[in-house]
């Protein structure tokens, strides 16, 4: 969708269409910036806990490692956000990531965190994480370039 499509929808009123498009862009940018801390904190905590349990060490991260994880995650997410050129791409990206997160990542992490689950539940958790990662990659790479 481009400005010509919006202009057609808004009865050929170009200034109104440009104002609408600018408003949507500002609203999306504001939404992304303000919601980012809400999503970064649990992601970082899950990564820390998964790594500490997998590596068998239950020590807290050093401040340098903690901030490195935070800033590397932030950098990767912002680079991904900058590379998206279309709202349709963003919707497809959100769908592919959140769909697999709800269907595979969250159940997989819960299975890994269950202390009484045994090796079968841990194997299932790792299989769910691997399947979720594969489906996320497929969803991201199959997005249209419209």
N, C-alpha and C. Protein backbone atom coordinates (compact mmCIF):
# COMPACT_ATOMS: atom_id res chain seq x y z
N UNK A 1 0.85 -1.17 0.00
CA UNK A 1 0.00 0.00 0.00
C UNK A 1 0.90 1.23 0.00
N UNK A 2 0.55 2.19 -0.84
CA UNK A 2 1.33 3.42 -0.91
C UNK A 2 0.39 4.62 -0.83
N UNK A 3 0.95 5.80 -0.99
CA UNK A 3 0.16 7.03 -0.85
C UNK A 3 -0.95 7.11 -1.91
N UNK A 4 -0.71 6.55 -3.10
CA UNK A 4 -1.74 6.56 -4.14
C UNK A 4 -2.96 5.74 -3.72
N UNK A 5 -2.71 4.60 -3.10
CA UNK A 5 -3.82 3.77 -2.61
C UNK A 5 -4.62 4.50 -1.54
N UNK A 6 -3.92 5.15 -0.62
CA UNK A 6 -4.61 5.89 0.44
C UNK A 6 -5.36 7.07 -0.14
N UNK A 7 -4.79 7.73 -1.14
CA UNK A 7 -5.46 8.86 -1.78
C UNK A 7 -6.75 8.42 -2.44
N UNK A 8 -6.73 7.26 -3.09
CA UNK A 8 -7.95 6.73 -3.71
C UNK A 8 -9.02 6.45 -2.67
N UNK A 9 -8.61 5.90 -1.54
CA UNK A 9 -9.56 5.58 -0.47
C UNK A 9 -10.16 6.86 0.11
N UNK A 10 -9.35 7.91 0.21
CA UNK A 10 -9.80 9.18 0.81
C UNK A 10 -10.28 10.17 -0.24
N UNK A 11 -10.95 9.69 -1.28
CA UNK A 11 -11.63 10.50 -2.29
C UNK A 11 -10.71 11.45 -3.03
N UNK A 12 -9.48 11.06 -3.25
CA UNK A 12 -8.54 11.86 -4.03
C UNK A 12 -7.95 13.04 -3.28
N UNK A 13 -8.17 13.14 -2.00
CA UNK A 13 -7.67 14.26 -1.21
C UNK A 13 -6.22 13.95 -0.79
N UNK A 14 -5.26 14.46 -1.57
CA UNK A 14 -3.85 14.16 -1.33
C UNK A 14 -3.36 14.68 0.02
N UNK A 15 -3.63 15.94 0.40
CA UNK A 15 -3.15 16.40 1.71
C UNK A 15 -3.71 15.58 2.87
N UNK A 16 -4.99 15.20 2.78
CA UNK A 16 -5.58 14.38 3.82
C UNK A 16 -4.91 13.00 3.87
N UNK A 17 -4.64 12.43 2.70
CA UNK A 17 -3.97 11.13 2.64
C UNK A 17 -2.57 11.21 3.22
N UNK A 18 -1.83 12.27 2.89
CA UNK A 18 -0.47 12.41 3.41
C UNK A 18 -0.49 12.60 4.93
N UNK A 19 -1.46 13.37 5.43
CA UNK A 19 -1.59 13.53 6.87
C UNK A 19 -1.94 12.23 7.56
N UNK A 20 -2.82 11.46 6.93
CA UNK A 20 -3.20 10.16 7.49
C UNK A 20 -2.00 9.22 7.56
N UNK A 21 -1.25 9.14 6.47
CA UNK A 21 -0.07 8.27 6.43
C UNK A 21 0.96 8.70 7.47
N UNK A 22 1.19 10.00 7.59
CA UNK A 22 2.15 10.50 8.58
C UNK A 22 1.68 10.18 10.00
N UNK A 23 0.39 10.34 10.26
CA UNK A 23 -0.15 10.03 11.58
C UNK A 23 0.02 8.55 11.92
N UNK A 24 -0.24 7.68 10.95
CA UNK A 24 -0.09 6.24 11.18
C UNK A 24 1.38 5.91 11.45
N UNK A 25 2.29 6.51 10.70
CA UNK A 25 3.72 6.24 10.91
C UNK A 25 4.17 6.70 12.29
N UNK A 26 3.74 7.87 12.72
CA UNK A 26 4.12 8.37 14.04
C UNK A 26 3.51 7.49 15.13
N UNK A 27 2.25 7.09 14.96
CA UNK A 27 1.61 6.23 15.95
C UNK A 27 2.31 4.88 16.06
N UNK A 28 2.70 4.31 14.94
CA UNK A 28 3.41 3.02 14.96
C UNK A 28 4.78 3.17 15.64
N UNK A 29 5.50 4.23 15.30
CA UNK A 29 6.81 4.44 15.91
C UNK A 29 6.68 4.65 17.42
N UNK A 30 5.72 5.44 17.83
CA UNK A 30 5.49 5.68 19.25
C UNK A 30 5.09 4.39 19.97
N UNK A 31 4.24 3.61 19.35
CA UNK A 31 3.82 2.34 19.93
C UNK A 31 5.00 1.39 20.10
N UNK A 32 5.85 1.31 19.11
CA UNK A 32 7.01 0.42 19.19
C UNK A 32 8.00 0.87 20.26
N UNK A 33 8.27 2.16 20.32
CA UNK A 33 9.24 2.67 21.29
C UNK A 33 8.72 2.51 22.72
N UNK A 34 7.43 2.78 22.93
CA UNK A 34 6.90 2.71 24.29
C UNK A 34 6.65 1.28 24.76
N UNK A 35 6.40 0.37 23.85
CA UNK A 35 6.14 -1.02 24.27
C UNK A 35 7.41 -1.85 24.35
N UNK A 36 8.51 -1.32 23.88
CA UNK A 36 9.74 -2.10 23.85
C UNK A 36 10.23 -2.55 25.22
N UNK A 37 10.27 -1.69 26.25
CA UNK A 37 10.74 -2.17 27.56
C UNK A 37 9.88 -3.28 28.14
N UNK A 38 8.60 -3.28 27.82
CA UNK A 38 7.70 -4.32 28.32
C UNK A 38 8.08 -5.68 27.75
N UNK A 39 8.55 -5.71 26.52
CA UNK A 39 8.91 -6.98 25.90
C UNK A 39 10.37 -7.35 26.12
N UNK A 40 11.23 -6.38 26.32
CA UNK A 40 12.65 -6.68 26.49
C UNK A 40 12.95 -7.34 27.82
N UNK A 41 12.33 -6.88 28.90
CA UNK A 41 12.66 -7.40 30.22
C UNK A 41 12.37 -8.90 30.33
N UNK A 42 11.15 -9.40 29.99
CA UNK A 42 10.94 -10.84 30.14
C UNK A 42 11.78 -11.67 29.17
N UNK A 43 12.05 -11.14 27.98
CA UNK A 43 12.89 -11.86 27.03
C UNK A 43 14.30 -12.04 27.62
N UNK A 44 14.83 -10.97 28.17
CA UNK A 44 16.17 -11.02 28.75
C UNK A 44 16.20 -11.97 29.95
N UNK A 45 15.18 -11.93 30.80
CA UNK A 45 15.14 -12.83 31.96
C UNK A 45 15.05 -14.29 31.53
N UNK A 46 14.25 -14.58 30.50
CA UNK A 46 14.15 -15.96 30.02
C UNK A 46 15.46 -16.44 29.44
N UNK A 47 16.15 -15.59 28.71
CA UNK A 47 17.45 -15.98 28.15
C UNK A 47 18.44 -16.26 29.28
N UNK A 48 18.47 -15.39 30.28
CA UNK A 48 19.40 -15.58 31.40
C UNK A 48 19.09 -16.88 32.14
N UNK A 49 17.82 -17.12 32.45
CA UNK A 49 17.46 -18.32 33.20
C UNK A 49 17.69 -19.59 32.39
N UNK A 50 17.37 -19.55 31.10
CA UNK A 50 17.59 -20.73 30.25
C UNK A 50 19.08 -21.04 30.14
N UNK A 51 19.89 -20.01 29.94
CA UNK A 51 21.33 -20.24 29.86
C UNK A 51 21.91 -20.73 31.18
N UNK A 52 21.45 -20.17 32.29
CA UNK A 52 22.01 -20.58 33.58
C UNK A 52 21.62 -22.02 33.91
N UNK A 53 20.41 -22.43 33.58
CA UNK A 53 20.00 -23.81 33.84
C UNK A 53 20.69 -24.77 32.88
N UNK A 54 20.84 -24.37 31.64
CA UNK A 54 21.47 -25.23 30.65
C UNK A 54 22.95 -25.43 30.97
N UNK A 55 23.61 -24.35 31.37
CA UNK A 55 25.04 -24.44 31.68
C UNK A 55 25.30 -24.95 33.09
N UNK A 56 24.25 -25.11 33.89
CA UNK A 56 24.41 -25.64 35.24
C UNK A 56 24.96 -24.64 36.23
N UNK A 57 24.94 -23.39 35.91
CA UNK A 57 25.43 -22.37 36.83
C UNK A 57 24.27 -21.45 37.20
N UNK A 58 24.06 -21.24 38.48
CA UNK A 58 22.95 -20.41 38.92
C UNK A 58 23.46 -19.11 39.54
N UNK A 59 24.54 -18.60 39.00
CA UNK A 59 25.08 -17.33 39.47
C UNK A 59 24.43 -16.19 38.69
N UNK A 60 24.40 -15.04 39.32
CA UNK A 60 23.90 -13.87 38.62
C UNK A 60 24.93 -13.44 37.59
N UNK A 61 24.43 -12.83 36.53
CA UNK A 61 25.35 -12.30 35.53
C UNK A 61 26.12 -11.11 36.09
N UNK A 62 27.32 -10.96 35.61
CA UNK A 62 28.07 -9.76 35.96
C UNK A 62 27.39 -8.57 35.31
N UNK A 63 27.59 -7.38 35.84
CA UNK A 63 26.98 -6.21 35.19
C UNK A 63 27.37 -6.07 33.72
N UNK A 64 28.61 -6.40 33.39
CA UNK A 64 29.04 -6.29 32.00
C UNK A 64 28.27 -7.27 31.11
N UNK A 65 28.09 -8.50 31.57
CA UNK A 65 27.35 -9.49 30.79
C UNK A 65 25.88 -9.11 30.68
N UNK A 66 25.31 -8.61 31.77
CA UNK A 66 23.91 -8.20 31.78
C UNK A 66 23.66 -7.07 30.78
N UNK A 67 24.49 -6.04 30.83
CA UNK A 67 24.32 -4.93 29.91
C UNK A 67 24.66 -5.33 28.48
N UNK A 68 25.63 -6.22 28.30
CA UNK A 68 25.94 -6.70 26.95
C UNK A 68 24.75 -7.43 26.36
N UNK A 69 24.12 -8.30 27.13
CA UNK A 69 22.93 -9.01 26.65
C UNK A 69 21.82 -8.03 26.30
N UNK A 70 21.62 -7.03 27.15
CA UNK A 70 20.59 -6.03 26.91
C UNK A 70 20.86 -5.25 25.63
N UNK A 71 22.07 -4.73 25.48
CA UNK A 71 22.36 -3.88 24.33
C UNK A 71 22.48 -4.67 23.03
N UNK A 72 22.95 -5.90 23.10
CA UNK A 72 23.00 -6.73 21.88
C UNK A 72 21.58 -7.07 21.44
N UNK A 73 20.71 -7.41 22.39
CA UNK A 73 19.30 -7.67 22.06
C UNK A 73 18.66 -6.43 21.45
N UNK A 74 18.90 -5.29 22.08
CA UNK A 74 18.36 -4.03 21.59
C UNK A 74 18.86 -3.73 20.18
N UNK A 75 20.15 -3.92 19.94
CA UNK A 75 20.72 -3.67 18.63
C UNK A 75 20.11 -4.58 17.57
N UNK A 76 19.99 -5.86 17.87
CA UNK A 76 19.42 -6.80 16.90
C UNK A 76 17.96 -6.47 16.60
N UNK A 77 17.21 -6.13 17.62
CA UNK A 77 15.80 -5.80 17.40
C UNK A 77 15.66 -4.51 16.61
N UNK A 78 16.46 -3.50 16.92
CA UNK A 78 16.39 -2.25 16.16
C UNK A 78 16.85 -2.42 14.72
N UNK A 79 17.89 -3.22 14.49
CA UNK A 79 18.33 -3.48 13.12
C UNK A 79 17.23 -4.18 12.33
N UNK A 80 16.55 -5.11 12.96
CA UNK A 80 15.45 -5.79 12.31
C UNK A 80 14.32 -4.80 12.01
N UNK A 81 14.03 -3.91 12.97
CA UNK A 81 12.97 -2.93 12.77
C UNK A 81 13.31 -1.95 11.65
N UNK A 82 14.57 -1.57 11.54
CA UNK A 82 14.97 -0.63 10.49
C UNK A 82 14.86 -1.28 9.11
N UNK A 83 15.10 -2.58 9.03
CA UNK A 83 15.10 -3.25 7.74
C UNK A 83 13.70 -3.46 7.18
N UNK A 84 12.66 -3.25 7.98
CA UNK A 84 11.29 -3.45 7.51
C UNK A 84 10.84 -2.19 6.78
N UNK A 85 10.45 -2.36 5.52
CA UNK A 85 10.08 -1.20 4.71
C UNK A 85 8.58 -1.07 4.50
N UNK A 86 7.80 -2.01 4.95
CA UNK A 86 6.37 -1.99 4.67
C UNK A 86 5.59 -2.40 5.92
N UNK A 87 4.40 -1.82 6.07
CA UNK A 87 3.55 -2.21 7.19
C UNK A 87 3.10 -3.66 7.05
N UNK A 88 2.92 -4.11 5.82
CA UNK A 88 2.55 -5.51 5.61
C UNK A 88 3.66 -6.44 6.06
N UNK A 89 4.90 -6.04 5.82
CA UNK A 89 6.02 -6.85 6.29
C UNK A 89 6.02 -6.91 7.82
N UNK A 90 5.73 -5.80 8.45
CA UNK A 90 5.73 -5.77 9.91
C UNK A 90 4.62 -6.66 10.47
N UNK A 91 3.44 -6.60 9.86
CA UNK A 91 2.34 -7.45 10.32
C UNK A 91 2.69 -8.92 10.12
N UNK A 92 3.30 -9.26 8.98
CA UNK A 92 3.73 -10.63 8.75
C UNK A 92 4.80 -11.06 9.73
N UNK A 93 5.72 -10.16 10.02
CA UNK A 93 6.78 -10.46 10.99
C UNK A 93 6.20 -10.69 12.38
N UNK A 94 5.30 -9.81 12.79
CA UNK A 94 4.68 -9.96 14.11
C UNK A 94 3.90 -11.27 14.18
N UNK A 95 3.18 -11.59 13.11
CA UNK A 95 2.42 -12.84 13.09
C UNK A 95 3.30 -14.06 13.16
N UNK A 96 4.39 -14.04 12.41
CA UNK A 96 5.26 -15.22 12.42
C UNK A 96 5.99 -15.38 13.74
N UNK A 97 6.36 -14.27 14.36
CA UNK A 97 7.09 -14.35 15.62
C UNK A 97 6.15 -14.63 16.79
N UNK A 98 5.05 -13.90 16.90
CA UNK A 98 4.16 -14.11 18.04
C UNK A 98 3.41 -15.43 17.95
N UNK A 99 3.07 -15.84 16.74
CA UNK A 99 2.39 -17.13 16.59
C UNK A 99 3.26 -18.29 17.05
N UNK A 100 4.51 -18.27 16.64
CA UNK A 100 5.41 -19.34 17.07
C UNK A 100 5.80 -19.19 18.53
N UNK A 101 5.85 -17.96 19.02
CA UNK A 101 6.16 -17.77 20.44
C UNK A 101 5.07 -18.38 21.31
N UNK A 102 3.82 -18.10 20.97
CA UNK A 102 2.72 -18.65 21.77
C UNK A 102 2.57 -20.15 21.60
N UNK A 103 2.80 -20.64 20.40
CA UNK A 103 2.58 -22.05 20.14
C UNK A 103 3.75 -22.95 20.45
N UNK A 104 4.97 -22.42 20.41
CA UNK A 104 6.15 -23.27 20.56
C UNK A 104 7.11 -22.79 21.65
N UNK A 105 7.49 -21.51 21.62
CA UNK A 105 8.51 -21.03 22.55
C UNK A 105 8.04 -21.07 24.00
N UNK A 106 6.87 -20.52 24.28
CA UNK A 106 6.40 -20.48 25.67
C UNK A 106 6.16 -21.88 26.23
N UNK A 107 5.47 -22.78 25.52
CA UNK A 107 5.35 -24.14 26.06
C UNK A 107 6.69 -24.85 26.20
N UNK A 108 7.60 -24.60 25.26
CA UNK A 108 8.93 -25.22 25.36
C UNK A 108 9.69 -24.74 26.57
N UNK A 109 9.62 -23.43 26.85
CA UNK A 109 10.31 -22.90 28.02
C UNK A 109 9.66 -23.40 29.32
N UNK A 110 8.34 -23.53 29.32
CA UNK A 110 7.68 -24.08 30.50
C UNK A 110 8.10 -25.53 30.73
N UNK A 111 8.20 -26.29 29.66
CA UNK A 111 8.63 -27.69 29.79
C UNK A 111 10.06 -27.77 30.32
N UNK A 112 10.92 -26.87 29.88
CA UNK A 112 12.30 -26.87 30.36
C UNK A 112 12.40 -26.44 31.82
N UNK A 113 11.49 -25.61 32.26
CA UNK A 113 11.55 -25.09 33.64
C UNK A 113 10.90 -26.00 34.66
N UNK A 114 10.16 -27.02 34.22
CA UNK A 114 9.48 -27.92 35.16
C UNK A 114 10.51 -28.79 35.87
N UNK A 115 10.67 -28.63 37.19
CA UNK A 115 11.72 -29.38 37.89
C UNK A 115 11.45 -30.88 37.98
N UNK A 116 10.19 -31.29 37.93
CA UNK A 116 9.88 -32.71 38.06
C UNK A 116 9.55 -33.38 36.74
N UNK A 117 9.88 -32.75 35.64
CA UNK A 117 9.48 -33.26 34.34
C UNK A 117 10.30 -34.42 33.82
N UNK A 118 11.53 -34.52 34.21
CA UNK A 118 12.38 -35.60 33.71
C UNK A 118 12.94 -35.29 32.33
N UNK A 119 13.69 -36.25 31.82
CA UNK A 119 14.39 -36.03 30.56
C UNK A 119 13.44 -35.98 29.37
N UNK A 120 12.30 -36.69 29.43
CA UNK A 120 11.36 -36.66 28.29
C UNK A 120 10.73 -35.28 28.12
N UNK A 121 10.36 -34.68 29.23
CA UNK A 121 9.77 -33.35 29.15
C UNK A 121 10.81 -32.32 28.71
N UNK A 122 12.04 -32.47 29.16
CA UNK A 122 13.11 -31.56 28.71
C UNK A 122 13.36 -31.75 27.22
N UNK A 123 13.35 -32.99 26.75
CA UNK A 123 13.54 -33.25 25.31
C UNK A 123 12.40 -32.64 24.51
N UNK A 124 11.17 -32.77 25.02
CA UNK A 124 10.03 -32.16 24.36
C UNK A 124 10.18 -30.64 24.32
N UNK A 125 10.64 -30.06 25.43
CA UNK A 125 10.86 -28.61 25.47
C UNK A 125 11.86 -28.16 24.43
N UNK A 126 12.98 -28.88 24.31
CA UNK A 126 13.98 -28.52 23.30
C UNK A 126 13.44 -28.72 21.89
N UNK A 127 12.63 -29.76 21.68
CA UNK A 127 12.03 -29.97 20.35
C UNK A 127 11.06 -28.84 20.01
N UNK A 128 10.27 -28.40 20.99
CA UNK A 128 9.37 -27.27 20.76
C UNK A 128 10.14 -26.00 20.43
N UNK A 129 11.24 -25.75 21.15
CA UNK A 129 12.05 -24.56 20.86
C UNK A 129 12.67 -24.65 19.47
N UNK A 130 13.15 -25.82 19.08
CA UNK A 130 13.75 -25.99 17.75
C UNK A 130 12.70 -25.81 16.66
N UNK A 131 11.51 -26.41 16.85
CA UNK A 131 10.45 -26.26 15.86
C UNK A 131 10.00 -24.81 15.77
N UNK A 132 9.90 -24.13 16.90
CA UNK A 132 9.52 -22.72 16.89
C UNK A 132 10.54 -21.86 16.18
N UNK A 133 11.82 -22.14 16.41
CA UNK A 133 12.88 -21.38 15.73
C UNK A 133 12.82 -21.61 14.23
N UNK A 134 12.62 -22.86 13.82
CA UNK A 134 12.52 -23.17 12.39
C UNK A 134 11.32 -22.48 11.76
N UNK A 135 10.17 -22.54 12.40
CA UNK A 135 8.98 -21.89 11.85
C UNK A 135 9.10 -20.37 11.85
N UNK A 136 9.78 -19.81 12.83
CA UNK A 136 10.01 -18.37 12.83
C UNK A 136 10.88 -17.97 11.65
N UNK A 137 11.94 -18.71 11.41
CA UNK A 137 12.82 -18.42 10.26
C UNK A 137 12.05 -18.56 8.96
N UNK A 138 11.24 -19.61 8.83
CA UNK A 138 10.45 -19.79 7.61
C UNK A 138 9.46 -18.64 7.44
N UNK A 139 8.80 -18.24 8.52
CA UNK A 139 7.84 -17.14 8.45
C UNK A 139 8.49 -15.82 8.08
N UNK A 140 9.67 -15.57 8.61
CA UNK A 140 10.36 -14.31 8.31
C UNK A 140 10.88 -14.30 6.88
N UNK A 141 11.46 -15.41 6.43
CA UNK A 141 12.04 -15.43 5.08
C UNK A 141 10.98 -15.52 3.99
N UNK A 142 9.77 -15.96 4.32
CA UNK A 142 8.75 -16.09 3.28
C UNK A 142 7.87 -14.85 3.14
N UNK A 143 8.19 -13.78 3.86
CA UNK A 143 7.39 -12.56 3.74
C UNK A 143 7.56 -11.96 2.36
N UNK A 144 6.48 -11.39 1.84
CA UNK A 144 6.52 -10.75 0.52
C UNK A 144 7.31 -9.46 0.57
N UNK A 145 7.83 -9.07 -0.56
CA UNK A 145 8.60 -7.82 -0.68
C UNK A 145 7.76 -6.71 -1.30
N UNK A 146 6.45 -6.69 -1.05
CA UNK A 146 5.56 -5.69 -1.65
C UNK A 146 5.90 -4.30 -1.21
